[in-house]
Amino acid sequence: MSTWMVVEDEPDIYEVLLAMFEMWGIEGVAFVEGEEAAAWIDDVDSGRFLGELPEMALIDIRLPGPIKGHMVAQRLRQSPALGHIAIVLITAFKLTPDEYAEIMAFSGADDLIYKPLPKFDDFKQRLETVLAQRRTAAAAAAGAANSKPAADAAPSAPEPVSPDPVRRDKSDQA
């Protein structure tokens, strides 16, 4: 069974998304704040999370707190364990073309969907298309990396997230 991640502060929306995932045979993991999601990403990267990792993330751009959705997406892209997953941003706010370009470039997201979300089947098809494109790109990159000499295939270190995600220690995870 596949797993997808949701970062959404509106309970009605993340509950609908998780219900859709269940109908599609997909497990869901949900976060309501950017700080929670960033801390979980840190746990994954440090080996403290041993469960199944998501292959897609749906992230609301406008989250409460200092870590907004596009920052969570950027943090995912920089993650050694999660950097390859499909990322779809969602928002109820109409972005100008400049805002759209800036957020997409900053976040490294694959798509942005405006709320209200598309009809059930259209929404599923759009997400599956994004996921298929991400899988194809990953396979092509893996093929290219395998055909290069080892010195050329070495990955570069990711740039730090700006601002740095708030880190939680184990005492905050009760």
C-alpha atoms as a PDB file:
ATOM      1  CA  MET A   1       0.000   0.000   0.000  1.00  0.00           C
ATOM      2  CA  SER A   2       1.250   3.437  -0.909  1.00  0.00           C
ATOM      3  CA  THR A   3       1.502   6.345   1.559  1.00  0.00           C
ATOM      4  CA  TRP A   4       0.848  10.022   0.893  1.00  0.00           C
ATOM      5  CA  MET A   5       1.480  12.991   3.182  1.00  0.00           C
ATOM      6  CA  VAL A   6      -0.894  15.895   3.868  1.00  0.00           C
ATOM      7  CA  VAL A   7       0.080  19.182   5.503  1.00  0.00           C
ATOM      8  CA  GLU A   8      -3.155  21.123   5.940  1.00  0.00           C
ATOM      9  CA  ASP A   9      -4.429  23.195   8.863  1.00  0.00           C
ATOM     10  CA  GLU A  10      -8.149  22.948   8.008  1.00  0.00           C
ATOM     11  CA  PRO A  11      -9.526  19.767   9.652  1.00  0.00           C
ATOM     12  CA  ASP A  12     -12.379  19.421   7.152  1.00  0.00           C
ATOM     13  CA  ILE A  13      -9.943  19.455   4.237  1.00  0.00           C
ATOM     14  CA  TYR A  14      -7.346  17.061   5.634  1.00  0.00           C
ATOM     15  CA  GLU A  15     -10.100  14.662   6.759  1.00  0.00           C
ATOM     16  CA  VAL A  16     -11.598  14.681   3.240  1.00  0.00           C
ATOM     17  CA  LEU A  17      -8.147  14.134   1.730  1.00  0.00           C
ATOM     18  CA  LEU A  18      -7.398  11.240   4.078  1.00  0.00           C
ATOM     19  CA  ALA A  19     -10.823   9.704   3.301  1.00  0.00           C
ATOM     20  CA  MET A  20     -10.094  10.005  -0.441  1.00  0.00           C
ATOM     21  CA  PHE A  21      -6.717   8.360   0.041  1.00  0.00           C
ATOM     22  CA  GLU A  22      -8.371   5.475   1.904  1.00  0.00           C
ATOM     23  CA  MET A  23     -10.873   4.980  -0.938  1.00  0.00           C
ATOM     24  CA  TRP A  24      -7.941   4.923  -3.384  1.00  0.00           C
ATOM     25  CA  GLY A  25      -6.077   2.335  -1.272  1.00  0.00           C
ATOM     26  CA  ILE A  26      -3.501   4.848  -0.056  1.00  0.00           C
ATOM     27  CA  GLU A  27      -2.367   5.340   3.539  1.00  0.00           C
ATOM     28  CA  GLY A  28      -2.214   8.939   4.732  1.00  0.00           C
ATOM     29  CA  VAL A  29      -0.075  10.772   7.225  1.00  0.00           C
ATOM     30  CA  ALA A  30      -1.288  14.260   8.183  1.00  0.00           C
ATOM     31  CA  PHE A  31       0.213  17.324   9.822  1.00  0.00           C
ATOM     32  CA  VAL A  32      -1.607  20.561  10.692  1.00  0.00           C
ATOM     33  CA  GLU A  33       1.437  22.824  11.054  1.00  0.00           C
ATOM     34  CA  GLY A  34       4.645  23.361   9.153  1.00  0.00           C
ATOM     35  CA  GLU A  35       6.648  22.877  12.351  1.00  0.00           C
ATOM     36  CA  GLU A  36       5.183  19.390  12.847  1.00  0.00           C
ATOM     37  CA  ALA A  37       5.943  18.422   9.264  1.00  0.00           C
ATOM     38  CA  ALA A  38       9.504  19.801   9.440  1.00  0.00           C
ATOM     39  CA  ALA A  39      10.158  17.937  12.694  1.00  0.00           C
ATOM     40  CA  TRP A  40       8.869  14.716  11.108  1.00  0.00           C
ATOM     41  CA  ILE A  41      11.125  15.236   8.083  1.00  0.00           C
ATOM     42  CA  ASP A  42      14.047  15.681  10.504  1.00  0.00           C
ATOM     43  CA  ASP A  43      13.027  12.437  12.242  1.00  0.00           C
ATOM     44  CA  VAL A  44      12.972  10.626   8.887  1.00  0.00           C
ATOM     45  CA  ASP A  45      16.365  12.019   7.885  1.00  0.00           C
ATOM     46  CA  SER A  46      17.939  11.079  11.225  1.00  0.00           C
ATOM     47  CA  GLY A  47      16.530   7.550  11.151  1.00  0.00           C
ATOM     48  CA  ARG A  48      14.129   8.063  14.073  1.00  0.00           C
ATOM     49  CA  PHE A  49      11.102   7.286  11.861  1.00  0.00           C
ATOM     50  CA  LEU A  50      11.046   3.711  10.621  1.00  0.00           C
ATOM     51  CA  GLY A  51       7.620   3.508   8.964  1.00  0.00           C
ATOM     52  CA  GLU A  52       6.711   3.588   5.289  1.00  0.00           C
ATOM     53  CA  LEU A  53       7.728   6.840   3.624  1.00  0.00           C
ATOM     54  CA  PRO A  54       5.264   8.775   1.477  1.00  0.00           C
ATOM     55  CA  GLU A  55       5.656   9.003  -2.267  1.00  0.00           C
ATOM     56  CA  MET A  56       3.565  12.164  -2.516  1.00  0.00           C
ATOM     57  CA  ALA A  57       2.907  15.235  -0.359  1.00  0.00           C
ATOM     58  CA  LEU A  58      -0.065  17.595  -0.609  1.00  0.00           C
ATOM     59  CA  ILE A  59       0.817  20.807   1.203  1.00  0.00           C
ATOM     60  CA  ASP A  60      -1.289  23.882   1.894  1.00  0.00           C
ATOM     61  CA  ILE A  61       0.759  26.997   1.211  1.00  0.00           C
ATOM     62  CA  ARG A  62      -0.723  29.129   3.985  1.00  0.00           C
ATOM     63  CA  LEU A  63      -0.138  27.317   7.269  1.00  0.00           C
ATOM     64  CA  PRO A  64      -0.200  28.864  10.752  1.00  0.00           C
ATOM     65  CA  GLY A  65       3.139  29.550  12.399  1.00  0.00           C
ATOM     66  CA  PRO A  66       6.526  30.505  11.020  1.00  0.00           C
ATOM     67  CA  ILE A  67       6.984  27.537   8.658  1.00  0.00           C
ATOM     68  CA  LYS A  68       4.679  27.930   5.670  1.00  0.00           C
ATOM     69  CA  GLY A  69       3.792  25.245   3.165  1.00  0.00           C
ATOM     70  CA  HIS A  70       6.306  26.267   0.513  1.00  0.00           C
ATOM     71  CA  MET A  71       9.022  26.003   3.188  1.00  0.00           C
ATOM     72  CA  VAL A  72       7.891  22.460   4.068  1.00  0.00           C
ATOM     73  CA  ALA A  73       8.060  21.597   0.360  1.00  0.00           C
ATOM     74  CA  GLN A  74      11.563  23.048   0.099  1.00  0.00           C
ATOM     75  CA  ARG A  75      12.606  21.066   3.187  1.00  0.00           C
ATOM     76  CA  LEU A  76      11.238  17.889   1.562  1.00  0.00           C
ATOM     77  CA  ARG A  77      13.243  18.589  -1.618  1.00  0.00           C
ATOM     78  CA  GLN A  78      16.405  18.918   0.478  1.00  0.00           C
ATOM     79  CA  SER A  79      15.782  15.715   2.422  1.00  0.00           C
ATOM     80  CA  PRO A  80      18.098  12.820   1.552  1.00  0.00           C
ATOM     81  CA  ALA A  81      15.260  10.358   2.258  1.00  0.00           C
ATOM     82  CA  LEU A  82      12.275  12.316   0.886  1.00  0.00           C
ATOM     83  CA  GLY A  83      13.703  14.622  -1.767  1.00  0.00           C
ATOM     84  CA  HIS A  84      12.407  12.481  -4.631  1.00  0.00           C
ATOM     85  CA  ILE A  85       8.699  12.468  -3.696  1.00  0.00           C
ATOM     86  CA  ALA A  86       5.984  14.203  -5.692  1.00  0.00           C
ATOM     87  CA  ILE A  87       4.923  17.506  -4.128  1.00  0.00           C
ATOM     88  CA  VAL A  88       1.638  19.258  -4.847  1.00  0.00           C
ATOM     89  CA  LEU A  89       0.916  22.599  -3.225  1.00  0.00           C
ATOM     90  CA  ILE A  90      -2.676  23.592  -2.548  1.00  0.00           C
ATOM     91  CA  THR A  91      -4.142  26.977  -1.719  1.00  0.00           C
ATOM     92  CA  ALA A  92      -7.421  28.881  -1.536  1.00  0.00           C
ATOM     93  CA  PHE A  93      -5.656  32.153  -2.345  1.00  0.00           C
ATOM     94  CA  LYS A  94      -5.311  33.319  -5.936  1.00  0.00           C
ATOM     95  CA  LEU A  95      -1.659  33.930  -6.674  1.00  0.00           C
ATOM     96  CA  THR A  96      -0.354  36.454  -9.138  1.00  0.00           C
ATOM     97  CA  PRO A  97       1.833  35.002 -11.905  1.00  0.00           C
ATOM     98  CA  ASP A  98       4.906  36.369 -10.102  1.00  0.00           C
ATOM     99  CA  GLU A  99       3.853  34.841  -6.757  1.00  0.00           C
ATOM    100  CA  TYR A 100       3.147  31.525  -8.472  1.00  0.00           C
ATOM    101  CA  ALA A 101       6.564  31.484 -10.167  1.00  0.00           C
ATOM    102  CA  GLU A 102       8.347  32.459  -6.946  1.00  0.00           C
ATOM    103  CA  ILE A 103       6.605  29.825  -4.811  1.00  0.00           C
ATOM    104  CA  MET A 104       7.107  27.057  -7.365  1.00  0.00           C
ATOM    105  CA  ALA A 105      10.803  27.891  -7.798  1.00  0.00           C
ATOM    106  CA  PHE A 106      11.398  28.190  -4.031  1.00  0.00           C
ATOM    107  CA  SER A 107       9.522  25.020  -3.108  1.00  0.00           C
ATOM    108  CA  GLY A 108      10.529  22.701  -5.920  1.00  0.00           C
ATOM    109  CA  ALA A 109       6.890  21.546  -6.062  1.00  0.00           C
ATOM    110  CA  ASP A 110       5.605  19.592  -9.039  1.00  0.00           C
ATOM    111  CA  ASP A 111       2.166  21.225  -9.195  1.00  0.00           C
ATOM    112  CA  LEU A 112      -0.155  23.716  -7.508  1.00  0.00           C
ATOM    113  CA  ILE A 113      -3.887  23.147  -7.199  1.00  0.00           C
ATOM    114  CA  TYR A 114      -6.338  25.833  -6.195  1.00  0.00           C
ATOM    115  CA  LYS A 115      -9.142  25.216  -3.723  1.00  0.00           C
ATOM    116  CA  PRO A 116     -11.884  24.254  -3.983  1.00  0.00           C
ATOM    117  CA  LEU A 117     -10.223  21.037  -5.049  1.00  0.00           C
ATOM    118  CA  PRO A 118     -11.211  19.442  -8.372  1.00  0.00           C
ATOM    119  CA  LYS A 119     -13.924  16.792  -8.603  1.00  0.00           C
ATOM    120  CA  PHE A 120     -13.003  13.423  -7.112  1.00  0.00           C
ATOM    121  CA  ASP A 121     -11.983  11.599 -10.317  1.00  0.00           C
ATOM    122  CA  ASP A 122     -10.315  14.673 -11.860  1.00  0.00           C
ATOM    123  CA  PHE A 123      -8.366  15.257  -8.651  1.00  0.00           C
ATOM    124  CA  LYS A 124      -7.215  11.635  -8.518  1.00  0.00           C
ATOM    125  CA  GLN A 125      -6.146  11.728 -12.179  1.00  0.00           C
ATOM    126  CA  ARG A 126      -4.184  14.945 -11.687  1.00  0.00           C
ATOM    127  CA  LEU A 127      -2.357  13.566  -8.650  1.00  0.00           C
ATOM    128  CA  GLU A 128      -1.623  10.281 -10.426  1.00  0.00           C
ATOM    129  CA  THR A 129      -0.240  12.231 -13.402  1.00  0.00           C
ATOM    130  CA  VAL A 130       2.086  14.225 -11.133  1.00  0.00           C
ATOM    131  CA  LEU A 131       3.193  11.027  -9.419  1.00  0.00           C
ATOM    132  CA  ALA A 132       3.827   9.273 -12.747  1.00  0.00           C
ATOM    133  CA  GLN A 133       5.887  12.231 -14.003  1.00  0.00           C
ATOM    134  CA  ARG A 134       7.928  12.224 -10.784  1.00  0.00           C
ATOM    135  CA  ARG A 135       8.536   8.460 -11.076  1.00  0.00           C
ATOM    136  CA  THR A 136       9.604   8.820 -14.726  1.00  0.00           C
ATOM    137  CA  ALA A 137      11.996  11.648 -13.858  1.00  0.00           C
ATOM    138  CA  ALA A 138      13.456   9.640 -10.960  1.00  0.00           C
ATOM    139  CA  ALA A 139      13.968   6.594 -13.172  1.00  0.00           C
ATOM    140  CA  ALA A 140      15.656   8.729 -15.833  1.00  0.00           C
ATOM    141  CA  ALA A 141      17.910  10.341 -13.233  1.00  0.00           C
ATOM    142  CA  ALA A 142      18.820   6.944 -11.794  1.00  0.00           C
ATOM    143  CA  GLY A 143      19.641   5.668 -15.271  1.00  0.00           C
ATOM    144  CA  ALA A 144      21.813   8.694 -15.983  1.00  0.00           C
ATOM    145  CA  ALA A 145      23.581   8.347 -12.633  1.00  0.00           C
ATOM    146  CA  ASN A 146      24.314   4.677 -13.329  1.00  0.00           C
ATOM    147  CA  SER A 147      25.886   5.504 -16.685  1.00  0.00           C
ATOM    148  CA  LYS A 148      28.255   8.167 -15.323  1.00  0.00           C
ATOM    149  CA  PRO A 149      31.607   7.522 -13.684  1.00  0.00           C
ATOM    150  CA  ALA A 150      31.307   7.393  -9.887  1.00  0.00           C
ATOM    151  CA  ALA A 151      33.073  10.731  -9.388  1.00  0.00           C
ATOM    152  CA  ASP A 152      30.534  12.482 -11.634  1.00  0.00           C
ATOM    153  CA  ALA A 153      27.542  10.837  -9.951  1.00  0.00           C
ATOM    154  CA  ALA A 154      28.322  12.079  -6.438  1.00  0.00           C
ATOM    155  CA  PRO A 155      25.411  14.202  -5.191  1.00  0.00           C
ATOM    156  CA  SER A 156      26.056  17.687  -3.922  1.00  0.00           C
ATOM    157  CA  ALA A 157      24.991  18.686  -0.427  1.00  0.00           C
ATOM    158  CA  PRO A 158      21.566  20.312  -0.246  1.00  0.00           C
ATOM    159  CA  GLU A 159      21.376  24.006   0.482  1.00  0.00           C
ATOM    160  CA  PRO A 160      19.957  24.843   3.928  1.00  0.00           C
ATOM    161  CA  VAL A 161      16.294  25.738   4.284  1.00  0.00           C
ATOM    162  CA  SER A 162      15.767  29.411   4.927  1.00  0.00           C
ATOM    163  CA  PRO A 163      14.580  29.967   7.578  1.00  0.00           C
ATOM    164  CA  ASP A 164      15.723  26.798   9.317  1.00  0.00           C
ATOM    165  CA  PRO A 165      12.845  24.554  10.376  1.00  0.00           C
ATOM    166  CA  VAL A 166      12.047  24.529  14.058  1.00  0.00           C
ATOM    167  CA  ARG A 167      13.360  21.308  15.514  1.00  0.00           C
ATOM    168  CA  ARG A 168      11.554  19.403  18.249  1.00  0.00           C
ATOM    169  CA  ASP A 169      13.282  17.086  20.608  1.00  0.00           C
ATOM    170  CA  LYS A 170      11.678  13.866  21.830  1.00  0.00           C
ATOM    171  CA  SER A 171      10.193  15.571  24.920  1.00  0.00           C
ATOM    172  CA  ASP A 172       7.972  17.703  22.642  1.00  0.00           C
ATOM    173  CA  GLN A 173       6.465  14.692  20.883  1.00  0.00           C
ATOM    174  CA  ALA A 174       4.152  13.491  23.648  1.00  0.00           C
END
